[in-house]
Structures are given as C-alpha cells and as structure tokens.
PDB file of N, CA and C in Angstrom:
ATOM      1  N   MET A   1     130.002  78.538 -57.742  1.00  0.00           N
ATOM      2  CA  MET A   1     130.545  79.826 -57.357  1.00  0.00           C
ATOM      3  C   MET A   1     131.033  80.519 -58.632  1.00  0.00           C
ATOM      4  N   THR A   2     130.698  81.784 -58.782  1.00  0.00           N
ATOM      5  CA  THR A   2     131.110  82.515 -59.974  1.00  0.00           C
ATOM      6  C   THR A   2     132.587  82.853 -59.909  1.00  0.00           C
ATOM      7  N   HIS A   3     133.129  83.171 -61.059  1.00  0.00           N
ATOM      8  CA  HIS A   3     134.549  83.498 -61.167  1.00  0.00           C
ATOM      9  C   HIS A   3     134.894  84.731 -60.323  1.00  0.00           C
ATOM     10  N   ASN A   4     134.065  85.800 -60.387  1.00  0.00           N
ATOM     11  CA  ASN A   4     134.325  87.029 -59.621  1.00  0.00           C
ATOM     12  C   ASN A   4     134.286  86.784 -58.122  1.00  0.00           C
ATOM     13  N   ARG A   5     133.323  85.988 -57.678  1.00  0.00           N
ATOM     14  CA  ARG A   5     133.196  85.718 -56.252  1.00  0.00           C
ATOM     15  C   ARG A   5     134.405  84.930 -55.756  1.00  0.00           C
ATOM     16  N   ARG A   6     134.874  83.976 -56.540  1.00  0.00           N
ATOM     17  CA  ARG A   6     136.049  83.184 -56.171  1.00  0.00           C
ATOM     18  C   ARG A   6     137.276  84.093 -56.069  1.00  0.00           C
ATOM     19  N   GLU A   7     137.436  85.004 -57.022  1.00  0.00           N
ATOM     20  CA  GLU A   7     138.567  85.948 -56.974  1.00  0.00           C
ATOM     21  C   GLU A   7     138.488  86.814 -55.734  1.00  0.00           C
ATOM     22  N   MET A   8     137.286  87.298 -55.402  1.00  0.00           N
ATOM     23  CA  MET A   8     137.122  88.148 -54.215  1.00  0.00           C
ATOM     24  C   MET A   8     137.488  87.382 -52.949  1.00  0.00           C
ATOM     25  N   LEU A   9     137.054  86.122 -52.842  1.00  0.00           N
ATOM     26  CA  LEU A   9     137.387  85.320 -51.665  1.00  0.00           C
ATOM     27  C   LEU A   9     138.885  85.039 -51.593  1.00  0.00           C
ATOM     28  N   THR A  10     139.509  84.789 -52.725  1.00  0.00           N
ATOM     29  CA  THR A  10     140.949  84.553 -52.765  1.00  0.00           C
ATOM     30  C   THR A  10     141.699  85.792 -52.312  1.00  0.00           C
ATOM     31  N   LEU A  11     141.284  86.960 -52.818  1.00  0.00           N
ATOM     32  CA  LEU A  11     141.930  88.214 -52.404  1.00  0.00           C
ATOM     33  C   LEU A  11     141.719  88.482 -50.920  1.00  0.00           C
ATOM     34  N   ALA A  12     140.521  88.226 -50.416  1.00  0.00           N
ATOM     35  CA  ALA A  12     140.251  88.439 -48.990  1.00  0.00           C
ATOM     36  C   ALA A  12     141.113  87.524 -48.139  1.00  0.00           C
ATOM     37  N   ALA A  13     141.242  86.252 -48.542  1.00  0.00           N
ATOM     38  CA  ALA A  13     142.071  85.313 -47.793  1.00  0.00           C
ATOM     39  C   ALA A  13     143.530  85.746 -47.813  1.00  0.00           C
ATOM     40  N   ALA A  14     144.009  86.224 -48.957  1.00  0.00           N
ATOM     41  CA  ALA A  14     145.397  86.693 -49.052  1.00  0.00           C
ATOM     42  C   ALA A  14     145.613  87.896 -48.148  1.00  0.00           C
ATOM     43  N   GLY A  15     144.645  88.809 -48.115  1.00  0.00           N
ATOM     44  CA  GLY A  15     144.750  89.987 -47.241  1.00  0.00           C
ATOM     45  C   GLY A  15     144.793  89.595 -45.777  1.00  0.00           C
ATOM     46  N   LEU A  16     143.981  88.616 -45.387  1.00  0.00           N
ATOM     47  CA  LEU A  16     143.977  88.137 -44.008  1.00  0.00           C
ATOM     48  C   LEU A  16     145.316  87.491 -43.668  1.00  0.00           C
ATOM     49  N   ALA A  17     145.858  86.723 -44.579  1.00  0.00           N
ATOM     50  CA  ALA A  17     147.153  86.072 -44.334  1.00  0.00           C
ATOM     51  C   ALA A  17     148.244  87.102 -44.124  1.00  0.00           C
ATOM     52  N   VAL A  18     148.272  88.168 -44.925  1.00  0.00           N
ATOM     53  CA  VAL A  18     149.287  89.215 -44.776  1.00  0.00           C
ATOM     54  C   VAL A  18     149.123  89.930 -43.451  1.00  0.00           C
ATOM     55  N   SER A  19     147.880  90.149 -43.014  1.00  0.00           N
ATOM     56  CA  SER A  19     147.673  90.884 -41.767  1.00  0.00           C
ATOM     57  C   SER A  19     148.073  90.076 -40.546  1.00  0.00           C
ATOM     58  N   THR A  20     148.212  88.758 -40.665  1.00  0.00           N
ATOM     59  CA  THR A  20     148.620  87.958 -39.512  1.00  0.00           C
ATOM     60  C   THR A  20     150.118  87.716 -39.471  1.00  0.00           C
ATOM     61  N   VAL A  21     150.852  88.132 -40.507  1.00  0.00           N
ATOM     62  CA  VAL A  21     152.303  88.008 -40.517  1.00  0.00           C
ATOM     63  C   VAL A  21     152.864  89.143 -39.673  1.00  0.00           C
ATOM     64  N   PRO A  22     153.833  88.869 -38.797  1.00  0.00           N
ATOM     65  CA  PRO A  22     154.407  89.952 -37.986  1.00  0.00           C
ATOM     66  C   PRO A  22     154.885  91.107 -38.859  1.00  0.00           C
ATOM     67  N   ALA A  23     154.740  92.318 -38.346  1.00  0.00           N
ATOM     68  CA  ALA A  23     155.092  93.522 -39.109  1.00  0.00           C
ATOM     69  C   ALA A  23     156.521  93.490 -39.602  1.00  0.00           C
ATOM     70  N   VAL A  24     157.441  92.987 -38.782  1.00  0.00           N
ATOM     71  CA  VAL A  24     158.851  92.980 -39.190  1.00  0.00           C
ATOM     72  C   VAL A  24     159.046  92.108 -40.424  1.00  0.00           C
ATOM     73  N   ALA A  25     158.267  91.051 -40.562  1.00  0.00           N
ATOM     74  CA  ALA A  25     158.398  90.181 -41.726  1.00  0.00           C
ATOM     75  C   ALA A  25     157.811  90.830 -42.966  1.00  0.00           C
ATOM     76  N   GLN A  26     156.869  91.769 -42.790  1.00  0.00           N
ATOM     77  CA  GLN A  26     156.256  92.449 -43.920  1.00  0.00           C
ATOM     78  C   GLN A  26     157.129  93.568 -44.457  1.00  0.00           C
ATOM     79  N   GLU A  27     158.000  94.113 -43.640  1.00  0.00           N
ATOM     80  CA  GLU A  27     158.835  95.230 -44.055  1.00  0.00           C
ATOM     81  C   GLU A  27     159.971  94.737 -44.941  1.00  0.00           C
ATOM     82  N   ALA A  28     160.252  95.515 -45.979  1.00  0.00           N
ATOM     83  CA  ALA A  28     161.368  95.163 -46.858  1.00  0.00           C
ATOM     84  C   ALA A  28     162.689  95.297 -46.110  1.00  0.00           C
ATOM     85  N   ARG A  29     162.806  96.351 -45.309  1.00  0.00           N
ATOM     86  CA  ARG A  29     164.012  96.590 -44.516  1.00  0.00           C
ATOM     87  C   ARG A  29     163.612  96.701 -43.059  1.00  0.00           C
ATOM     88  N   PRO A  30     163.972  95.719 -42.262  1.00  0.00           N
ATOM     89  CA  PRO A  30     163.624  95.804 -40.841  1.00  0.00           C
ATOM     90  C   PRO A  30     164.278  97.025 -40.189  1.00  0.00           C
ATOM     91  N   ARG A  31     163.626  97.540 -39.194  1.00  0.00           N
ATOM     92  CA  ARG A  31     164.192  98.652 -38.430  1.00  0.00           C
ATOM     93  C   ARG A  31     165.387  98.153 -37.629  1.00  0.00           C
ATOM     94  N   PHE A  32     166.167  99.099 -37.154  1.00  0.00           N
ATOM     95  CA  PHE A  32     167.370  98.791 -36.381  1.00  0.00           C
ATOM     96  C   PHE A  32     167.266  99.489 -35.043  1.00  0.00           C
ATOM     97  N   GLY A  33     167.536  98.773 -33.974  1.00  0.00           N
ATOM     98  CA  GLY A  33     167.459  99.362 -32.648  1.00  0.00           C
ATOM     99  C   GLY A  33     168.707  99.095 -31.827  1.00  0.00           C
ATOM    100  N   LEU A  34     168.952  99.989 -30.900  1.00  0.00           N
ATOM    101  CA  LEU A  34     170.056  99.851 -29.962  1.00  0.00           C
ATOM    102  C   LEU A  34     169.554 100.226 -28.570  1.00  0.00           C
ATOM    103  N   ILE A  35     170.007  99.485 -27.596  1.00  0.00           N
ATOM    104  CA  ILE A  35     169.772  99.829 -26.195  1.00  0.00           C
ATOM    105  C   ILE A  35     171.131  99.707 -25.529  1.00  0.00           C
ATOM    106  N   GLY A  36     171.587 100.786 -24.914  1.00  0.00           N
ATOM    107  CA  GLY A  36     172.903 100.735 -24.309  1.00  0.00           C
ATOM    108  C   GLY A  36     173.000 101.542 -23.037  1.00  0.00           C
ATOM    109  N   GLN A  37     173.856 101.075 -22.164  1.00  0.00           N
ATOM    110  CA  GLN A  37     174.151 101.801 -20.933  1.00  0.00           C
ATOM    111  C   GLN A  37     175.479 102.528 -21.138  1.00  0.00           C
ATOM    112  N   MET A  38     175.494 103.804 -20.774  1.00  0.00           N
ATOM    113  CA  MET A  38     176.704 104.617 -20.881  1.00  0.00           C
ATOM    114  C   MET A  38     177.038 105.141 -19.488  1.00  0.00           C
ATOM    115  N   LEU A  39     178.297 105.020 -19.123  1.00  0.00           N
ATOM    116  CA  LEU A  39     178.746 105.505 -17.817  1.00  0.00           C
ATOM    117  C   LEU A  39     179.556 106.786 -17.982  1.00  0.00           C
ATOM    118  N   SER A  40     179.308 107.716 -17.088  1.00  0.00           N
ATOM    119  CA  SER A  40     180.142 108.921 -17.033  1.00  0.00           C
ATOM    120  C   SER A  40     181.187 108.723 -15.950  1.00  0.00           C
ATOM    121  N   VAL A  41     182.234 109.530 -15.992  1.00  0.00           N
ATOM    122  CA  VAL A  41     183.150 109.533 -14.856  1.00  0.00           C
ATOM    123  C   VAL A  41     182.337 110.021 -13.658  1.00  0.00           C
ATOM    124  N   PRO A  42     182.723 109.651 -12.443  1.00  0.00           N
ATOM    125  CA  PRO A  42     181.924 110.011 -11.274  1.00  0.00           C
ATOM    126  C   PRO A  42     181.565 111.503 -11.218  1.00  0.00           C
ATOM    127  N   GLY A  43     180.272 111.736 -10.994  1.00  0.00           N
ATOM    128  CA  GLY A  43     179.768 113.094 -10.828  1.00  0.00           C
ATOM    129  C   GLY A  43     179.549 113.873 -12.122  1.00  0.00           C
ATOM    130  N   LYS A  44     179.723 113.270 -13.276  1.00  0.00           N
ATOM    131  CA  LYS A  44     179.621 113.990 -14.547  1.00  0.00           C
ATOM    132  C   LYS A  44     178.421 113.565 -15.409  1.00  0.00           C
ATOM    133  N   ARG A  45     177.470 112.840 -14.820  1.00  0.00           N
ATOM    134  CA  ARG A  45     176.337 112.358 -15.614  1.00  0.00           C
ATOM    135  C   ARG A  45     175.534 113.493 -16.226  1.00  0.00           C
ATOM    136  N   GLU A  46     175.249 114.530 -15.483  1.00  0.00           N
ATOM    137  CA  GLU A  46     174.449 115.640 -16.022  1.00  0.00           C
ATOM    138  C   GLU A  46     175.172 116.336 -17.175  1.00  0.00           C
ATOM    139  N   GLU A  47     176.473 116.484 -17.058  1.00  0.00           N
ATOM    140  CA  GLU A  47     177.257 117.083 -18.137  1.00  0.00           C
ATOM    141  C   GLU A  47     177.203 116.193 -19.386  1.00  0.00           C
ATOM    142  N   LEU A  48     177.359 114.889 -19.187  1.00  0.00           N
ATOM    143  CA  LEU A  48     177.280 113.943 -20.300  1.00  0.00           C
ATOM    144  C   LEU A  48     175.895 113.990 -20.940  1.00  0.00           C
ATOM    145  N   LEU A  49     174.872 114.039 -20.142  1.00  0.00           N
ATOM    146  CA  LEU A  49     173.502 114.153 -20.646  1.00  0.00           C
ATOM    147  C   LEU A  49     173.357 115.395 -21.524  1.00  0.00           C
ATOM    148  N   GLY A  50     173.928 116.498 -21.096  1.00  0.00           N
ATOM    149  CA  GLY A  50     173.869 117.730 -21.893  1.00  0.00           C
ATOM    150  C   GLY A  50     174.529 117.578 -23.250  1.00  0.00           C
ATOM    151  N   TYR A  51     175.675 116.933 -23.310  1.00  0.00           N
ATOM    152  CA  TYR A  51     176.364 116.718 -24.587  1.00  0.00           C
ATOM    153  C   TYR A  51     175.552 115.814 -25.509  1.00  0.00           C
ATOM    154  N   LEU A  52     174.951 114.774 -24.928  1.00  0.00           N
ATOM    155  CA  LEU A  52     174.139 113.868 -25.740  1.00  0.00           C
ATOM    156  C   LEU A  52     172.914 114.594 -26.299  1.00  0.00           C
ATOM    157  N   ARG A  53     172.327 115.459 -25.513  1.00  0.00           N
ATOM    158  CA  ARG A  53     171.166 116.234 -25.991  1.00  0.00           C
ATOM    159  C   ARG A  53     171.554 117.136 -27.163  1.00  0.00           C
ATOM    160  N   GLU A  54     172.734 117.713 -27.105  1.00  0.00           N
ATOM    161  CA  GLU A  54     173.192 118.614 -28.169  1.00  0.00           C
ATOM    162  C   GLU A  54     173.254 117.927 -29.520  1.00  0.00           C
ATOM    163  N   GLY A  55     173.692 116.689 -29.542  1.00  0.00           N
ATOM    164  CA  GLY A  55     173.953 116.009 -30.798  1.00  0.00           C
ATOM    165  C   GLY A  55     172.804 115.212 -31.367  1.00  0.00           C
ATOM    166  N   THR A  56     171.629 115.297 -30.739  1.00  0.00           N
ATOM    167  CA  THR A  56     170.536 114.430 -31.177  1.00  0.00           C
ATOM    168  C   THR A  56     169.396 115.176 -31.855  1.00  0.00           C
ATOM    169  N   GLY A  57     169.673 116.338 -32.418  1.00  0.00           N
ATOM    170  CA  GLY A  57     168.622 117.100 -33.082  1.00  0.00           C
ATOM    171  C   GLY A  57     168.135 116.448 -34.353  1.00  0.00           C
ATOM    172  N   ALA A  58     168.701 116.827 -35.464  1.00  0.00           N
ATOM    173  CA  ALA A  58     168.269 116.326 -36.772  1.00  0.00           C
ATOM    174  C   ALA A  58     169.156 115.157 -37.191  1.00  0.00           C
ATOM    175  N   MET A  59     168.630 113.955 -37.035  1.00  0.00           N
ATOM    176  CA  MET A  59     169.355 112.760 -37.457  1.00  0.00           C
ATOM    177  C   MET A  59     168.449 111.998 -38.429  1.00  0.00           C
ATOM    178  N   PRO A  60     168.665 112.148 -39.727  1.00  0.00           N
ATOM    179  CA  PRO A  60     167.807 111.469 -40.703  1.00  0.00           C
ATOM    180  C   PRO A  60     167.734 109.967 -40.463  1.00  0.00           C
ATOM    181  N   GLY A  61     166.521 109.444 -40.479  1.00  0.00           N
ATOM    182  CA  GLY A  61     166.304 108.017 -40.259  1.00  0.00           C
ATOM    183  C   GLY A  61     166.088 107.632 -38.812  1.00  0.00           C
ATOM    184  N   CYS A  62     166.300 108.575 -37.892  1.00  0.00           N
ATOM    185  CA  CYS A  62     166.091 108.286 -36.473  1.00  0.00           C
ATOM    186  C   CYS A  62     164.602 108.414 -36.159  1.00  0.00           C
ATOM    187  N   LEU A  63     163.998 107.328 -35.715  1.00  0.00           N
ATOM    188  CA  LEU A  63     162.581 107.322 -35.377  1.00  0.00           C
ATOM    189  C   LEU A  63     162.355 107.604 -33.896  1.00  0.00           C
ATOM    190  N   SER A  64     163.347 107.282 -33.078  1.00  0.00           N
ATOM    191  CA  SER A  64     163.238 107.528 -31.640  1.00  0.00           C
ATOM    192  C   SER A  64     164.633 107.498 -31.024  1.00  0.00           C
ATOM    193  N   TYR A  65     164.903 108.457 -30.145  1.00  0.00           N
ATOM    194  CA  TYR A  65     166.185 108.505 -29.430  1.00  0.00           C
ATOM    195  C   TYR A  65     165.854 108.952 -28.018  1.00  0.00           C
ATOM    196  N   VAL A  66     165.915 108.019 -27.079  1.00  0.00           N
ATOM    197  CA  VAL A  66     165.526 108.300 -25.700  1.00  0.00           C
ATOM    198  C   VAL A  66     166.735 108.136 -24.795  1.00  0.00           C
ATOM    199  N   ILE A  67     167.007 109.152 -23.992  1.00  0.00           N
ATOM    200  CA  ILE A  67     168.069 109.113 -22.992  1.00  0.00           C
ATOM    201  C   ILE A  67     167.381 109.072 -21.633  1.00  0.00           C
ATOM    202  N   ALA A  68     167.729 108.087 -20.822  1.00  0.00           N
ATOM    203  CA  ALA A  68     167.095 107.933 -19.513  1.00  0.00           C
ATOM    204  C   ALA A  68     168.141 107.827 -18.418  1.00  0.00           C
ATOM    205  N   LEU A  69     167.798 108.333 -17.250  1.00  0.00           N
ATOM    206  CA  LEU A  69     168.672 108.215 -16.086  1.00  0.00           C
ATOM    207  C   LEU A  69     168.541 106.821 -15.496  1.00  0.00           C
ATOM    208  N   ASP A  70     169.644 106.226 -15.129  1.00  0.00           N
ATOM    209  CA  ASP A  70     169.657 104.936 -14.448  1.00  0.00           C
ATOM    210  C   ASP A  70     169.366 105.213 -12.979  1.00  0.00           C
ATOM    211  N   THR A  71     168.325 104.617 -12.443  1.00  0.00           N
ATOM    212  CA  THR A  71     167.944 104.884 -11.052  1.00  0.00           C
ATOM    213  C   THR A  71     168.842 104.175 -10.039  1.00  0.00           C
ATOM    214  N   ALA A  72     169.585 103.174 -10.486  1.00  0.00           N
ATOM    215  CA  ALA A  72     170.444 102.423  -9.573  1.00  0.00           C
ATOM    216  C   ALA A  72     171.888 102.906  -9.569  1.00  0.00           C
ATOM    217  N   ASN A  73     172.274 103.699 -10.573  1.00  0.00           N
ATOM    218  CA  ASN A  73     173.666 104.134 -10.674  1.00  0.00           C
ATOM    219  C   ASN A  73     173.686 105.625 -11.017  1.00  0.00           C
ATOM    220  N   PRO A  74     174.187 106.470 -10.117  1.00  0.00           N
ATOM    221  CA  PRO A  74     174.153 107.919 -10.347  1.00  0.00           C
ATOM    222  C   PRO A  74     175.086 108.394 -11.465  1.00  0.00           C
ATOM    223  N   ASP A  75     175.892 107.515 -12.015  1.00  0.00           N
ATOM    224  CA  ASP A  75     176.795 107.882 -13.109  1.00  0.00           C
ATOM    225  C   ASP A  75     176.411 107.224 -14.435  1.00  0.00           C
ATOM    226  N   ALA A  76     175.226 106.594 -14.492  1.00  0.00           N
ATOM    227  CA  ALA A  76     174.842 105.846 -15.682  1.00  0.00           C
ATOM    228  C   ALA A  76     173.616 106.437 -16.380  1.00  0.00           C
ATOM    229  N   LEU A  77     173.632 106.287 -17.706  1.00  0.00           N
ATOM    230  CA  LEU A  77     172.509 106.646 -18.569  1.00  0.00           C
ATOM    231  C   LEU A  77     172.157 105.423 -19.402  1.00  0.00           C
ATOM    232  N   TRP A  78     170.907 105.336 -19.810  1.00  0.00           N
ATOM    233  CA  TRP A  78     170.459 104.325 -20.766  1.00  0.00           C
ATOM    234  C   TRP A  78     170.006 105.062 -22.014  1.00  0.00           C
ATOM    235  N   ILE A  79     170.436 104.584 -23.159  1.00  0.00           N
ATOM    236  CA  ILE A  79     170.058 105.198 -24.429  1.00  0.00           C
ATOM    237  C   ILE A  79     169.345 104.132 -25.254  1.00  0.00           C
ATOM    238  N   THR A  80     168.145 104.476 -25.700  1.00  0.00           N
ATOM    239  CA  THR A  80     167.344 103.571 -26.528  1.00  0.00           C
ATOM    240  C   THR A  80     167.098 104.270 -27.855  1.00  0.00           C
ATOM    241  N   GLU A  81     167.526 103.624 -28.937  1.00  0.00           N
ATOM    242  CA  GLU A  81     167.425 104.214 -30.272  1.00  0.00           C
ATOM    243  C   GLU A  81     166.634 103.305 -31.201  1.00  0.00           C
ATOM    244  N   VAL A  82     165.823 103.912 -32.069  1.00  0.00           N
ATOM    245  CA  VAL A  82     165.131 103.184 -33.128  1.00  0.00           C
ATOM    246  C   VAL A  82     165.411 103.925 -34.430  1.00  0.00           C
ATOM    247  N   TRP A  83     165.899 103.182 -35.415  1.00  0.00           N
ATOM    248  CA  TRP A  83     166.273 103.732 -36.714  1.00  0.00           C
ATOM    249  C   TRP A  83     165.520 103.026 -37.817  1.00  0.00           C
ATOM    250  N   ASP A  84     165.343 103.718 -38.932  1.00  0.00           N
ATOM    251  CA  ASP A  84     164.687 103.069 -40.061  1.00  0.00           C
ATOM    252  C   ASP A  84     165.584 102.012 -40.691  1.00  0.00           C
ATOM    253  N   SER A  85     166.895 102.070 -40.428  1.00  0.00           N
ATOM    254  CA  SER A  85     167.814 101.054 -40.944  1.00  0.00           C
ATOM    255  C   SER A  85     169.158 101.161 -40.218  1.00  0.00           C
ATOM    256  N   ARG A  86     169.926 100.108 -40.304  1.00  0.00           N
ATOM    257  CA  ARG A  86     171.287 100.096 -39.754  1.00  0.00           C
ATOM    258  C   ARG A  86     172.139 101.165 -40.450  1.00  0.00           C
ATOM    259  N   GLU A  87     171.903 101.350 -41.765  1.00  0.00           N
ATOM    260  CA  GLU A  87     172.677 102.313 -42.547  1.00  0.00           C
ATOM    261  C   GLU A  87     172.428 103.748 -42.067  1.00  0.00           C
ATOM    262  N   SER A  88     171.192 104.062 -41.715  1.00  0.00           N
ATOM    263  CA  SER A  88     170.893 105.405 -41.196  1.00  0.00           C
ATOM    264  C   SER A  88     171.624 105.650 -39.883  1.00  0.00           C
ATOM    265  N   HIS A  89     171.673 104.630 -39.035  1.00  0.00           N
ATOM    266  CA  HIS A  89     172.402 104.781 -37.782  1.00  0.00           C
ATOM    267  C   HIS A  89     173.877 105.052 -38.055  1.00  0.00           C
ATOM    268  N   ALA A  90     174.473 104.270 -38.943  1.00  0.00           N
ATOM    269  CA  ALA A  90     175.895 104.446 -39.273  1.00  0.00           C
ATOM    270  C   ALA A  90     176.143 105.836 -39.849  1.00  0.00           C
ATOM    271  N   ALA A  91     175.247 106.314 -40.703  1.00  0.00           N
ATOM    272  CA  ALA A  91     175.396 107.640 -41.305  1.00  0.00           C
ATOM    273  C   ALA A  91     175.301 108.742 -40.253  1.00  0.00           C
ATOM    274  N   SER A  92     174.496 108.522 -39.219  1.00  0.00           N
ATOM    275  CA  SER A  92     174.332 109.549 -38.178  1.00  0.00           C
ATOM    276  C   SER A  92     175.643 109.826 -37.458  1.00  0.00           C
ATOM    277  N   LEU A  93     176.483 108.820 -37.351  1.00  0.00           N
ATOM    278  CA  LEU A  93     177.753 108.988 -36.645  1.00  0.00           C
ATOM    279  C   LEU A  93     178.735 109.862 -37.410  1.00  0.00           C
ATOM    280  N   LYS A  94     178.402 110.193 -38.645  1.00  0.00           N
ATOM    281  CA  LYS A  94     179.246 111.059 -39.472  1.00  0.00           C
ATOM    282  C   LYS A  94     178.728 112.497 -39.522  1.00  0.00           C
ATOM    283  N   LEU A  95     177.556 112.748 -38.948  1.00  0.00           N
ATOM    284  CA  LEU A  95     176.992 114.100 -38.958  1.00  0.00           C
ATOM    285  C   LEU A  95     177.846 115.042 -38.102  1.00  0.00           C
ATOM    286  N   PRO A  96     178.088 116.273 -38.566  1.00  0.00           N
ATOM    287  CA  PRO A  96     178.914 117.215 -37.798  1.00  0.00           C
ATOM    288  C   PRO A  96     178.439 117.432 -36.361  1.00  0.00           C
ATOM    289  N   ALA A  97     177.132 117.574 -36.156  1.00  0.00           N
ATOM    290  CA  ALA A  97     176.624 117.813 -34.794  1.00  0.00           C
ATOM    291  C   ALA A  97     176.871 116.605 -33.896  1.00  0.00           C
ATOM    292  N   VAL A  98     176.709 115.416 -34.436  1.00  0.00           N
ATOM    293  CA  VAL A  98     176.933 114.204 -33.649  1.00  0.00           C
ATOM    294  C   VAL A  98     178.427 114.048 -33.341  1.00  0.00           C
ATOM    295  N   ARG A  99     179.257 114.289 -34.331  1.00  0.00           N
ATOM    296  CA  ARG A  99     180.713 114.189 -34.120  1.00  0.00           C
ATOM    297  C   ARG A  99     181.187 115.200 -33.074  1.00  0.00           C
ATOM    298  N   ALA A 100     180.632 116.408 -33.108  1.00  0.00           N
ATOM    299  CA  ALA A 100     181.008 117.430 -32.134  1.00  0.00           C
ATOM    300  C   ALA A 100     180.585 117.015 -30.719  1.00  0.00           C
ATOM    301  N   ALA A 101     179.373 116.464 -30.597  1.00  0.00           N
ATOM    302  CA  ALA A 101     178.897 116.022 -29.282  1.00  0.00           C
ATOM    303  C   ALA A 101     179.765 114.884 -28.750  1.00  0.00           C
ATOM    304  N   ILE A 102     180.134 113.962 -29.618  1.00  0.00           N
ATOM    305  CA  ILE A 102     180.994 112.846 -29.199  1.00  0.00           C
ATOM    306  C   ILE A 102     182.354 113.367 -28.740  1.00  0.00           C
ATOM    307  N   ALA A 103     182.908 114.319 -29.474  1.00  0.00           N
ATOM    308  CA  ALA A 103     184.219 114.880 -29.117  1.00  0.00           C
ATOM    309  C   ALA A 103     184.171 115.557 -27.743  1.00  0.00           C
ATOM    310  N   LYS A 104     183.092 116.284 -27.470  1.00  0.00           N
ATOM    311  CA  LYS A 104     182.961 116.939 -26.164  1.00  0.00           C
ATOM    312  C   LYS A 104     182.767 115.924 -25.047  1.00  0.00           C
ATOM    313  N   ALA A 105     181.997 114.877 -25.330  1.00  0.00           N
ATOM    314  CA  ALA A 105     181.643 113.906 -24.297  1.00  0.00           C
ATOM    315  C   ALA A 105     182.741 112.901 -24.009  1.00  0.00           C
ATOM    316  N   ARG A 106     183.567 112.611 -24.983  1.00  0.00           N
ATOM    317  CA  ARG A 106     184.571 111.543 -24.851  1.00  0.00           C
ATOM    318  C   ARG A 106     185.382 111.621 -23.545  1.00  0.00           C
ATOM    319  N   PRO A 107     185.873 112.796 -23.119  1.00  0.00           N
ATOM    320  CA  PRO A 107     186.690 112.834 -21.889  1.00  0.00           C
ATOM    321  C   PRO A 107     185.942 112.437 -20.615  1.00  0.00           C
ATOM    322  N   ILE A 108     184.612 112.513 -20.633  1.00  0.00           N
ATOM    323  CA  ILE A 108     183.876 112.171 -19.406  1.00  0.00           C
ATOM    324  C   ILE A 108     183.095 110.859 -19.537  1.00  0.00           C
ATOM    325  N   ILE A 109     183.283 110.134 -20.627  1.00  0.00           N
ATOM    326  CA  ILE A 109     182.657 108.814 -20.768  1.00  0.00           C
ATOM    327  C   ILE A 109     183.580 107.775 -20.133  1.00  0.00           C
ATOM    328  N   ALA A 110     183.029 107.046 -19.163  1.00  0.00           N
ATOM    329  CA  ALA A 110     183.818 106.037 -18.453  1.00  0.00           C
ATOM    330  C   ALA A 110     183.635 104.642 -19.044  1.00  0.00           C
ATOM    331  N   GLY A 111     182.648 104.463 -19.896  1.00  0.00           N
ATOM    332  CA  GLY A 111     182.478 103.148 -20.510  1.00  0.00           C
ATOM    333  C   GLY A 111     181.076 102.882 -20.993  1.00  0.00           C
ATOM    334  N   PHE A 112     180.949 101.736 -21.658  1.00  0.00           N
ATOM    335  CA  PHE A 112     179.685 101.243 -22.202  1.00  0.00           C
ATOM    336  C   PHE A 112     179.526  99.786 -21.754  1.00  0.00           C
ATOM    337  N   PRO A 113     179.132  99.570 -20.503  1.00  0.00           N
ATOM    338  CA  PRO A 113     179.130  98.204 -19.978  1.00  0.00           C
ATOM    339  C   PRO A 113     178.092  97.263 -20.603  1.00  0.00           C
ATOM    340  N   GLN A 114     177.001  97.810 -21.133  1.00  0.00           N
ATOM    341  CA  GLN A 114     175.966  96.963 -21.722  1.00  0.00           C
ATOM    342  C   GLN A 114     175.493  97.588 -23.029  1.00  0.00           C
ATOM    343  N   HIS A 115     175.305  96.721 -24.034  1.00  0.00           N
ATOM    344  CA  HIS A 115     174.918  97.196 -25.354  1.00  0.00           C
ATOM    345  C   HIS A 115     174.180  96.064 -26.065  1.00  0.00           C
ATOM    346  N   PHE A 116     172.979  96.351 -26.564  1.00  0.00           N
ATOM    347  CA  PHE A 116     172.180  95.328 -27.229  1.00  0.00           C
ATOM    348  C   PHE A 116     171.643  95.874 -28.539  1.00  0.00           C
ATOM    349  N   GLU A 117     171.747  95.099 -29.604  1.00  0.00           N
ATOM    350  CA  GLU A 117     171.106  95.449 -30.862  1.00  0.00           C
ATOM    351  C   GLU A 117     169.752  94.772 -30.885  1.00  0.00           C
ATOM    352  N   THR A 118     168.750  95.471 -31.426  1.00  0.00           N
ATOM    353  CA  THR A 118     167.399  94.936 -31.478  1.00  0.00           C
ATOM    354  C   THR A 118     166.792  95.151 -32.862  1.00  0.00           C
ATOM    355  N   VAL A 119     165.663  94.500 -33.109  1.00  0.00           N
ATOM    356  CA  VAL A 119     164.859  94.716 -34.304  1.00  0.00           C
ATOM    357  C   VAL A 119     163.490  95.190 -33.816  1.00  0.00           C
ATOM    358  N   PRO A 120     163.272  96.505 -33.759  1.00  0.00           N
ATOM    359  CA  PRO A 120     161.990  97.030 -33.290  1.00  0.00           C
ATOM    360  C   PRO A 120     160.842  96.590 -34.212  1.00  0.00           C
ATOM    361  N   VAL A 121     159.749  96.115 -33.612  1.00  0.00           N
ATOM    362  CA  VAL A 121     158.613  95.655 -34.410  1.00  0.00           C
ATOM    363  C   VAL A 121     157.302  96.349 -34.062  1.00  0.00           C
ATOM    364  N   ALA A 122     157.216  97.026 -32.916  1.00  0.00           N
ATOM    365  CA  ALA A 122     155.997  97.718 -32.533  1.00  0.00           C
ATOM    366  C   ALA A 122     156.323  98.778 -31.515  1.00  0.00           C
ATOM    367  N   GLY A 123     155.462  99.748 -31.404  1.00  0.00           N
ATOM    368  CA  GLY A 123     155.646 100.797 -30.405  1.00  0.00           C
ATOM    369  C   GLY A 123     155.116 102.119 -30.887  1.00  0.00           C
ATOM    370  N   VAL A 124     155.254 103.122 -30.041  1.00  0.00           N
ATOM    371  CA  VAL A 124     154.803 104.471 -30.391  1.00  0.00           C
ATOM    372  C   VAL A 124     155.963 105.432 -30.314  1.00  0.00           C
TER     373      VAL A 124
END
C-alpha cells in the first residue's frame, strides 16, 4: 500500500469515527436546556402568557423558547428553552425586556412546581 493511500484511509477512518460520536460530545460547549412548568394564580394564565411573550423577543444565545398550554391544568404553562450555553441563559435574565416582563408577571405567578435542566443534542 502506498503512503498516500494509507494516509487517505487513515483520514477516512478518523472521519467515520467522528461522525459516530454523539453531537453533544463533539461540541466544545454543550447546549443548555430548561423545561419547566409555571403556574398562574387561578384564572390568570392568559395574562401570564402575555407577559412571557413580551419578554422573549431578542435574547442572544436563545435557540428556542416555546411556551405551551398545559392541557390538564387551566392555570399552568410549560416553557421549553434551548440555549447555546448556560451563560447565555443567565445573561438573558439581566436584559431590560426580560426583567420588565418578570416584574409584571411576578404578582400572578403562583409557582414553579416542576423544573428540569437538560442538554439538548438534536432537534429542529
């Protein structure tokens, strides 16, 4: 086997090995995710939803921010977030628009009964 052919096979094998490693292991900084349930005081879910929508415009590092209605609880929302890093998420909480939305929403937030941190590895 010639020297060039051996190098090509070695490079091809290395490329195949990298492609079989999970994406999260290939990334220098894994993404950061949150999934949480937020409760409003009774009858205030739509108002809370409006405040959350206000504060979620331009958040650097936010790859996805989804607010969903809980079908089993008329006062609950589920929020699913994907960030490029934990640091971007922390920085978002200091943005004026986010702080204003939190200040408006605080009086009608009844709690956060469930909260999970995740490491997003795939999705659209």
